[in-house]
Amino acid sequence: MLPTLAADPESALVARAKAGDASAFTELLEMYDRRVYRVAKNILQNDEDAEDALQETFLKASRALGAFKGESRFSSWLYQIALNLCRD
């Protein structure tokens, strides 16, 4: 059985953000900013570079949100963006 939006707050926030709700996207940022930062810091080994990667990740995610198909969790998609940015 697929989870319902009520059972999956992440999916509900993504749907609202895709519909143009800026506060929903802000909530997603707040949910994942520290985790994305830790991923970037672990790879880059530098606080400033990790902060830059964090900002670039969320900028890229906001621009590409309309293309997010929901075939994976938003968090997985977001982490992949961060990983790709850190590798570049």
C-alpha atoms as a PDB file:
ATOM      1  CA  MET A   1       0.000   0.000   0.000  1.00  0.00           C
ATOM      2  CA  LEU A   2       1.341   3.456  -0.904  1.00  0.00           C
ATOM      3  CA  PRO A   3       1.635   6.003   1.904  1.00  0.00           C
ATOM      4  CA  THR A   4      -0.922   8.754   1.960  1.00  0.00           C
ATOM      5  CA  LEU A   5       0.067  12.407   2.008  1.00  0.00           C
ATOM      6  CA  ALA A   6      -1.060  12.630   5.619  1.00  0.00           C
ATOM      7  CA  ALA A   7       1.247   9.742   6.517  1.00  0.00           C
ATOM      8  CA  ASP A   8       4.143  11.265   4.582  1.00  0.00           C
ATOM      9  CA  PRO A   9       4.693  14.908   5.501  1.00  0.00           C
ATOM     10  CA  GLU A  10       7.643  15.149   3.107  1.00  0.00           C
ATOM     11  CA  SER A  11       5.445  14.301   0.106  1.00  0.00           C
ATOM     12  CA  ALA A  12       2.806  16.771   1.224  1.00  0.00           C
ATOM     13  CA  LEU A  13       5.411  19.531   1.519  1.00  0.00           C
ATOM     14  CA  VAL A  14       6.863  18.683  -1.892  1.00  0.00           C
ATOM     15  CA  ALA A  15       3.414  18.818  -3.479  1.00  0.00           C
ATOM     16  CA  ARG A  16       2.745  22.201  -1.887  1.00  0.00           C
ATOM     17  CA  ALA A  17       6.171  23.514  -2.911  1.00  0.00           C
ATOM     18  CA  LYS A  18       5.678  22.342  -6.487  1.00  0.00           C
ATOM     19  CA  ALA A  19       2.355  24.215  -6.495  1.00  0.00           C
ATOM     20  CA  GLY A  20       4.229  27.401  -5.636  1.00  0.00           C
ATOM     21  CA  ASP A  21       3.963  27.468  -1.844  1.00  0.00           C
ATOM     22  CA  ALA A  22       7.244  29.118  -0.799  1.00  0.00           C
ATOM     23  CA  SER A  23       6.660  28.342   2.880  1.00  0.00           C
ATOM     24  CA  ALA A  24       6.488  24.623   2.073  1.00  0.00           C
ATOM     25  CA  PHE A  25       9.851  24.799   0.308  1.00  0.00           C
ATOM     26  CA  THR A  26      11.251  26.673   3.316  1.00  0.00           C
ATOM     27  CA  GLU A  27      10.017  23.861   5.570  1.00  0.00           C
ATOM     28  CA  LEU A  28      11.790  21.327   3.346  1.00  0.00           C
ATOM     29  CA  LEU A  29      14.981  23.379   3.613  1.00  0.00           C
ATOM     30  CA  GLU A  30      14.674  23.435   7.381  1.00  0.00           C
ATOM     31  CA  MET A  31      14.091  19.674   7.464  1.00  0.00           C
ATOM     32  CA  TYR A  32      17.251  18.886   5.538  1.00  0.00           C
ATOM     33  CA  ASP A  33      19.713  21.766   5.852  1.00  0.00           C
ATOM     34  CA  ARG A  34      21.815  20.244   8.639  1.00  0.00           C
ATOM     35  CA  ARG A  35      21.855  16.800   7.037  1.00  0.00           C
ATOM     36  CA  VAL A  36      22.893  18.172   3.645  1.00  0.00           C
ATOM     37  CA  TYR A  37      25.553  20.271   5.365  1.00  0.00           C
ATOM     38  CA  ARG A  38      26.948  17.187   7.133  1.00  0.00           C
ATOM     39  CA  VAL A  39      27.099  15.259   3.855  1.00  0.00           C
ATOM     40  CA  ALA A  40      28.929  18.153   2.178  1.00  0.00           C
ATOM     41  CA  LYS A  41      31.289  18.649   5.141  1.00  0.00           C
ATOM     42  CA  ASN A  42      32.117  14.946   5.179  1.00  0.00           C
ATOM     43  CA  ILE A  43      33.100  15.064   1.501  1.00  0.00           C
ATOM     44  CA  LEU A  44      34.681  18.500   1.298  1.00  0.00           C
ATOM     45  CA  GLN A  45      36.332  18.595   4.747  1.00  0.00           C
ATOM     46  CA  ASN A  46      35.928  22.372   4.919  1.00  0.00           C
ATOM     47  CA  ASP A  47      33.247  24.469   6.630  1.00  0.00           C
ATOM     48  CA  GLU A  48      33.118  27.240   4.033  1.00  0.00           C
ATOM     49  CA  ASP A  49      32.995  24.838   1.099  1.00  0.00           C
ATOM     50  CA  ALA A  50      30.264  22.834   2.847  1.00  0.00           C
ATOM     51  CA  GLU A  51      28.216  26.013   3.403  1.00  0.00           C
ATOM     52  CA  ASP A  52      28.642  26.942  -0.271  1.00  0.00           C
ATOM     53  CA  ALA A  53      27.576  23.439  -1.328  1.00  0.00           C
ATOM     54  CA  LEU A  54      24.547  23.656   0.964  1.00  0.00           C
ATOM     55  CA  GLN A  55      23.421  26.939  -0.570  1.00  0.00           C
ATOM     56  CA  GLU A  56      24.064  25.725  -4.109  1.00  0.00           C
ATOM     57  CA  THR A  57      22.171  22.485  -3.407  1.00  0.00           C
ATOM     58  CA  PHE A  58      19.043  24.316  -2.314  1.00  0.00           C
ATOM     59  CA  LEU A  59      19.296  26.827  -5.143  1.00  0.00           C
ATOM     60  CA  LYS A  60      19.588  24.012  -7.667  1.00  0.00           C
ATOM     61  CA  ALA A  61      16.747  22.092  -5.987  1.00  0.00           C
ATOM     62  CA  SER A  62      14.457  25.126  -6.075  1.00  0.00           C
ATOM     63  CA  ARG A  63      15.121  25.597  -9.788  1.00  0.00           C
ATOM     64  CA  ALA A  64      14.612  21.908 -10.595  1.00  0.00           C
ATOM     65  CA  LEU A  65      11.684  21.199  -8.258  1.00  0.00           C
ATOM     66  CA  GLY A  66       9.208  21.126 -11.126  1.00  0.00           C
ATOM     67  CA  ALA A  67      11.184  18.270 -12.693  1.00  0.00           C
ATOM     68  CA  PHE A  68      11.113  16.190  -9.485  1.00  0.00           C
ATOM     69  CA  LYS A  69       8.939  13.210 -10.407  1.00  0.00           C
ATOM     70  CA  GLY A  70       8.558  11.709  -6.963  1.00  0.00           C
ATOM     71  CA  GLU A  71       9.961   8.348  -8.054  1.00  0.00           C
ATOM     72  CA  SER A  72      12.255   8.549  -5.032  1.00  0.00           C
ATOM     73  CA  ARG A  73      12.017  10.395  -1.755  1.00  0.00           C
ATOM     74  CA  PHE A  74      12.686  14.117  -1.951  1.00  0.00           C
ATOM     75  CA  SER A  75      15.510  13.675   0.544  1.00  0.00           C
ATOM     76  CA  SER A  76      17.245  11.123  -1.723  1.00  0.00           C
ATOM     77  CA  TRP A  77      16.915  13.483  -4.683  1.00  0.00           C
ATOM     78  CA  LEU A  78      18.267  16.360  -2.604  1.00  0.00           C
ATOM     79  CA  TYR A  79      21.236  14.353  -1.317  1.00  0.00           C
ATOM     80  CA  GLN A  80      22.072  13.329  -4.879  1.00  0.00           C
ATOM     81  CA  ILE A  81      22.157  16.983  -5.916  1.00  0.00           C
ATOM     82  CA  ALA A  82      24.499  17.713  -2.988  1.00  0.00           C
ATOM     83  CA  LEU A  83      26.748  14.760  -3.810  1.00  0.00           C
ATOM     84  CA  ASN A  84      27.022  15.787  -7.443  1.00  0.00           C
ATOM     85  CA  LEU A  85      27.882  19.362  -6.478  1.00  0.00           C
ATOM     86  CA  CYS A  86      30.543  18.192  -4.023  1.00  0.00           C
ATOM     87  CA  ARG A  87      32.105  15.924  -6.628  1.00  0.00           C
ATOM     88  CA  ASP A  88      32.290  18.815  -9.097  1.00  0.00           C
END
